[in-house]
Amino acid sequence: MEDWRGCDNGMALALKKNLRKSKNVRKAVSMMAVSDGMDINFTTPTEAELDEMRQRIEGELVTIQTILGDLEAEFAPQYEALDG
């Protein structure tokens, strides 16, 4: 919501409130009577940013897999003894 305070008639403030409540941004925007001069931009992360996020998530998944593997190695023998 860049420069929303500068928009006339409080339209941007109403839009900001509707966007906060809405799960569908496009629906919220289309429901507003958008005045001339209001510029709405939808931006997405760059490919490099997406790659960085993917790498970070993959690193976290490896950490989680390692922790789960350690837990399994620690507790599996105890449960196998109970089953036997």
N, C-alpha and C. Protein backbone atom coordinates (compact mmCIF):
# COMPACT_ATOMS: atom_id res chain seq x y z
N MET A 1 0.84 -1.19 0.00
CA MET A 1 0.00 0.00 0.00
C MET A 1 0.88 1.24 0.00
N GLU A 2 1.62 1.41 -1.05
CA GLU A 2 2.49 2.56 -1.15
C GLU A 2 1.66 3.82 -1.36
N ASP A 3 2.03 4.86 -0.65
CA ASP A 3 1.40 6.18 -0.80
C ASP A 3 -0.10 6.18 -0.60
N TRP A 4 -0.63 5.32 0.24
CA TRP A 4 -2.08 5.27 0.41
C TRP A 4 -2.61 6.49 1.14
N ARG A 5 -1.78 7.14 1.95
CA ARG A 5 -2.25 8.32 2.68
C ARG A 5 -2.52 9.50 1.75
N GLY A 6 -1.89 9.51 0.58
CA GLY A 6 -2.04 10.64 -0.32
C GLY A 6 -3.28 10.55 -1.20
N CYS A 7 -3.98 9.46 -1.18
CA CYS A 7 -5.16 9.31 -2.04
C CYS A 7 -6.32 10.12 -1.50
N ASP A 8 -7.16 10.56 -2.41
CA ASP A 8 -8.27 11.42 -2.02
C ASP A 8 -9.46 10.64 -1.48
N ASN A 9 -10.27 11.31 -0.69
CA ASN A 9 -11.54 10.80 -0.15
C ASN A 9 -11.38 9.55 0.71
N GLY A 10 -10.20 9.26 1.20
CA GLY A 10 -10.01 8.11 2.08
C GLY A 10 -10.23 6.77 1.42
N MET A 11 -10.23 6.74 0.09
CA MET A 11 -10.47 5.47 -0.62
C MET A 11 -9.39 4.45 -0.31
N ALA A 12 -8.15 4.91 -0.23
CA ALA A 12 -7.05 3.97 0.02
C ALA A 12 -7.14 3.40 1.43
N LEU A 13 -7.57 4.21 2.38
CA LEU A 13 -7.71 3.70 3.75
C LEU A 13 -8.79 2.62 3.80
N ALA A 14 -9.91 2.85 3.10
CA ALA A 14 -10.97 1.84 3.04
C ALA A 14 -10.46 0.59 2.33
N LEU A 15 -9.68 0.78 1.26
CA LEU A 15 -9.12 -0.36 0.54
C LEU A 15 -8.19 -1.14 1.45
N LYS A 16 -7.37 -0.43 2.19
CA LYS A 16 -6.43 -1.10 3.10
C LYS A 16 -7.18 -1.94 4.12
N LYS A 17 -8.25 -1.40 4.68
CA LYS A 17 -9.05 -2.15 5.66
C LYS A 17 -9.70 -3.37 5.02
N ASN A 18 -10.24 -3.21 3.81
CA ASN A 18 -10.87 -4.34 3.12
C ASN A 18 -9.86 -5.42 2.77
N LEU A 19 -8.66 -5.02 2.36
CA LEU A 19 -7.63 -5.99 2.03
C LEU A 19 -7.21 -6.78 3.26
N ARG A 20 -7.17 -6.12 4.40
CA ARG A 20 -6.78 -6.79 5.64
C ARG A 20 -7.81 -7.86 6.00
N LYS A 21 -9.09 -7.60 5.74
CA LYS A 21 -10.16 -8.54 6.09
C LYS A 21 -10.36 -9.62 5.02
N SER A 22 -10.00 -9.32 3.79
CA SER A 22 -10.31 -10.20 2.67
C SER A 22 -9.26 -11.28 2.48
N LYS A 23 -9.71 -12.44 2.00
CA LYS A 23 -8.79 -13.51 1.61
C LYS A 23 -8.52 -13.46 0.11
N ASN A 24 -9.28 -12.66 -0.62
CA ASN A 24 -9.13 -12.56 -2.06
C ASN A 24 -8.88 -11.10 -2.42
N VAL A 25 -7.63 -10.76 -2.74
CA VAL A 25 -7.25 -9.38 -2.99
C VAL A 25 -7.98 -8.81 -4.20
N ARG A 26 -8.05 -9.59 -5.28
CA ARG A 26 -8.70 -9.07 -6.48
C ARG A 26 -10.17 -8.75 -6.23
N LYS A 27 -10.85 -9.61 -5.45
CA LYS A 27 -12.26 -9.37 -5.15
C LYS A 27 -12.40 -8.09 -4.34
N ALA A 28 -11.52 -7.89 -3.35
CA ALA A 28 -11.58 -6.69 -2.53
C ALA A 28 -11.35 -5.44 -3.37
N VAL A 29 -10.40 -5.52 -4.31
CA VAL A 29 -10.11 -4.37 -5.16
C VAL A 29 -11.28 -4.09 -6.08
N SER A 30 -11.88 -5.13 -6.66
CA SER A 30 -12.98 -4.90 -7.60
C SER A 30 -14.23 -4.39 -6.90
N MET A 31 -14.37 -4.66 -5.61
CA MET A 31 -15.53 -4.18 -4.87
C MET A 31 -15.43 -2.69 -4.53
N MET A 32 -14.22 -2.15 -4.61
CA MET A 32 -14.03 -0.75 -4.28
C MET A 32 -14.30 0.11 -5.52
N ALA A 33 -14.84 1.28 -5.29
CA ALA A 33 -14.97 2.26 -6.37
C ALA A 33 -13.65 3.01 -6.43
N VAL A 34 -12.76 2.56 -7.27
CA VAL A 34 -11.41 3.11 -7.32
C VAL A 34 -11.45 4.43 -8.08
N SER A 35 -10.94 5.48 -7.43
CA SER A 35 -10.94 6.79 -8.05
C SER A 35 -9.77 6.92 -9.02
N ASP A 36 -9.84 7.91 -9.90
CA ASP A 36 -8.72 8.17 -10.80
C ASP A 36 -7.51 8.57 -9.97
N GLY A 37 -6.37 8.11 -10.39
CA GLY A 37 -5.15 8.47 -9.69
C GLY A 37 -4.69 7.43 -8.69
N MET A 38 -5.50 6.44 -8.38
CA MET A 38 -5.06 5.39 -7.47
C MET A 38 -4.38 4.32 -8.30
N ASP A 39 -3.15 4.01 -7.94
CA ASP A 39 -2.38 3.03 -8.68
C ASP A 39 -2.20 1.80 -7.80
N ILE A 40 -2.71 0.66 -8.26
CA ILE A 40 -2.60 -0.58 -7.51
C ILE A 40 -1.64 -1.50 -8.26
N ASN A 41 -0.57 -1.90 -7.57
CA ASN A 41 0.43 -2.76 -8.19
C ASN A 41 0.49 -4.08 -7.44
N PHE A 42 0.54 -5.17 -8.17
CA PHE A 42 0.74 -6.49 -7.60
C PHE A 42 2.15 -6.91 -7.97
N THR A 43 2.99 -7.07 -6.96
CA THR A 43 4.37 -7.46 -7.24
C THR A 43 4.62 -8.85 -6.69
N THR A 44 5.51 -9.55 -7.34
CA THR A 44 5.87 -10.90 -6.91
C THR A 44 7.38 -10.93 -6.71
N PRO A 45 7.85 -11.90 -5.93
CA PRO A 45 9.29 -12.01 -5.74
C PRO A 45 10.00 -12.31 -7.07
N THR A 46 11.25 -11.87 -7.16
CA THR A 46 12.03 -12.16 -8.36
C THR A 46 12.42 -13.63 -8.35
N GLU A 47 12.91 -14.10 -9.48
CA GLU A 47 13.32 -15.50 -9.57
C GLU A 47 14.46 -15.79 -8.60
N ALA A 48 15.37 -14.84 -8.45
CA ALA A 48 16.48 -15.01 -7.51
C ALA A 48 15.97 -15.10 -6.07
N GLU A 49 14.97 -14.28 -5.72
CA GLU A 49 14.39 -14.33 -4.38
C GLU A 49 13.68 -15.66 -4.15
N LEU A 50 12.98 -16.14 -5.17
CA LEU A 50 12.30 -17.44 -5.05
C LEU A 50 13.31 -18.57 -4.87
N ASP A 51 14.41 -18.50 -5.62
CA ASP A 51 15.46 -19.52 -5.47
C ASP A 51 16.06 -19.49 -4.07
N GLU A 52 16.27 -18.29 -3.55
CA GLU A 52 16.81 -18.16 -2.19
C GLU A 52 15.85 -18.75 -1.16
N MET A 53 14.56 -18.46 -1.32
CA MET A 53 13.55 -19.02 -0.40
C MET A 53 13.54 -20.55 -0.49
N ARG A 54 13.59 -21.07 -1.72
CA ARG A 54 13.58 -22.51 -1.92
C ARG A 54 14.78 -23.17 -1.25
N GLN A 55 15.95 -22.57 -1.42
CA GLN A 55 17.17 -23.12 -0.82
C GLN A 55 17.09 -23.09 0.71
N ARG A 56 16.55 -22.00 1.25
CA ARG A 56 16.41 -21.90 2.71
C ARG A 56 15.46 -22.97 3.23
N ILE A 57 14.35 -23.16 2.54
CA ILE A 57 13.36 -24.17 2.95
C ILE A 57 13.95 -25.57 2.84
N GLU A 58 14.67 -25.83 1.75
CA GLU A 58 15.30 -27.14 1.59
C GLU A 58 16.31 -27.39 2.71
N GLY A 59 17.06 -26.36 3.10
CA GLY A 59 18.01 -26.49 4.20
C GLY A 59 17.31 -26.81 5.51
N GLU A 60 16.17 -26.16 5.74
CA GLU A 60 15.40 -26.42 6.95
C GLU A 60 14.83 -27.84 6.94
N LEU A 61 14.41 -28.31 5.76
CA LEU A 61 13.89 -29.68 5.65
C LEU A 61 14.98 -30.71 5.94
N VAL A 62 16.19 -30.45 5.48
CA VAL A 62 17.30 -31.36 5.77
C VAL A 62 17.55 -31.40 7.27
N THR A 63 17.51 -30.25 7.92
CA THR A 63 17.70 -30.19 9.37
C THR A 63 16.63 -31.00 10.09
N ILE A 64 15.38 -30.83 9.66
CA ILE A 64 14.26 -31.56 10.27
C ILE A 64 14.43 -33.07 10.04
N GLN A 65 14.80 -33.48 8.83
CA GLN A 65 15.02 -34.89 8.53
C GLN A 65 16.12 -35.48 9.41
N THR A 66 17.17 -34.72 9.63
CA THR A 66 18.27 -35.17 10.48
C THR A 66 17.80 -35.37 11.91
N ILE A 67 17.03 -34.41 12.41
CA ILE A 67 16.50 -34.51 13.78
C ILE A 67 15.59 -35.73 13.91
N LEU A 68 14.72 -35.93 12.92
CA LEU A 68 13.81 -37.08 12.96
C LEU A 68 14.57 -38.40 12.88
N GLY A 69 15.61 -38.43 12.06
CA GLY A 69 16.44 -39.63 11.96
C GLY A 69 17.12 -39.93 13.28
N ASP A 70 17.62 -38.90 13.96
CA ASP A 70 18.26 -39.08 15.27
C ASP A 70 17.26 -39.59 16.30
N LEU A 71 16.05 -39.02 16.28
CA LEU A 71 15.01 -39.47 17.21
C LEU A 71 14.63 -40.92 16.95
N GLU A 72 14.50 -41.26 15.68
CA GLU A 72 14.15 -42.64 15.33
C GLU A 72 15.24 -43.61 15.80
N ALA A 73 16.50 -43.24 15.58
CA ALA A 73 17.60 -44.10 16.00
C ALA A 73 17.63 -44.26 17.52
N GLU A 74 17.23 -43.23 18.23
CA GLU A 74 17.24 -43.27 19.69
C GLU A 74 16.08 -44.09 20.25
N PHE A 75 14.90 -43.90 19.70
CA PHE A 75 13.71 -44.49 20.31
C PHE A 75 13.22 -45.79 19.64
N ALA A 76 13.59 -46.05 18.41
CA ALA A 76 13.13 -47.25 17.70
C ALA A 76 13.46 -48.53 18.44
N PRO A 77 14.66 -48.71 18.96
CA PRO A 77 14.95 -49.96 19.67
C PRO A 77 14.04 -50.19 20.88
N GLN A 78 13.68 -49.13 21.56
CA GLN A 78 12.79 -49.26 22.73
C GLN A 78 11.42 -49.77 22.32
N TYR A 79 10.89 -49.23 21.20
CA TYR A 79 9.56 -49.65 20.74
C TYR A 79 9.60 -51.05 20.13
N GLU A 80 10.70 -51.39 19.46
CA GLU A 80 10.84 -52.73 18.90
C GLU A 80 10.87 -53.77 20.01
N ALA A 81 11.50 -53.44 21.14
CA ALA A 81 11.54 -54.34 22.28
C ALA A 81 10.15 -54.54 22.87
N LEU A 82 9.32 -53.50 22.85
CA LEU A 82 7.96 -53.60 23.37
C LEU A 82 7.08 -54.46 22.45
N ASP A 83 7.30 -54.38 21.14
CA ASP A 83 6.53 -55.15 20.17
C ASP A 83 6.91 -56.63 20.22
N GLY A 84 8.14 -56.93 20.56
CA GLY A 84 8.65 -58.31 20.50
C GLY A 84 8.29 -59.13 21.65
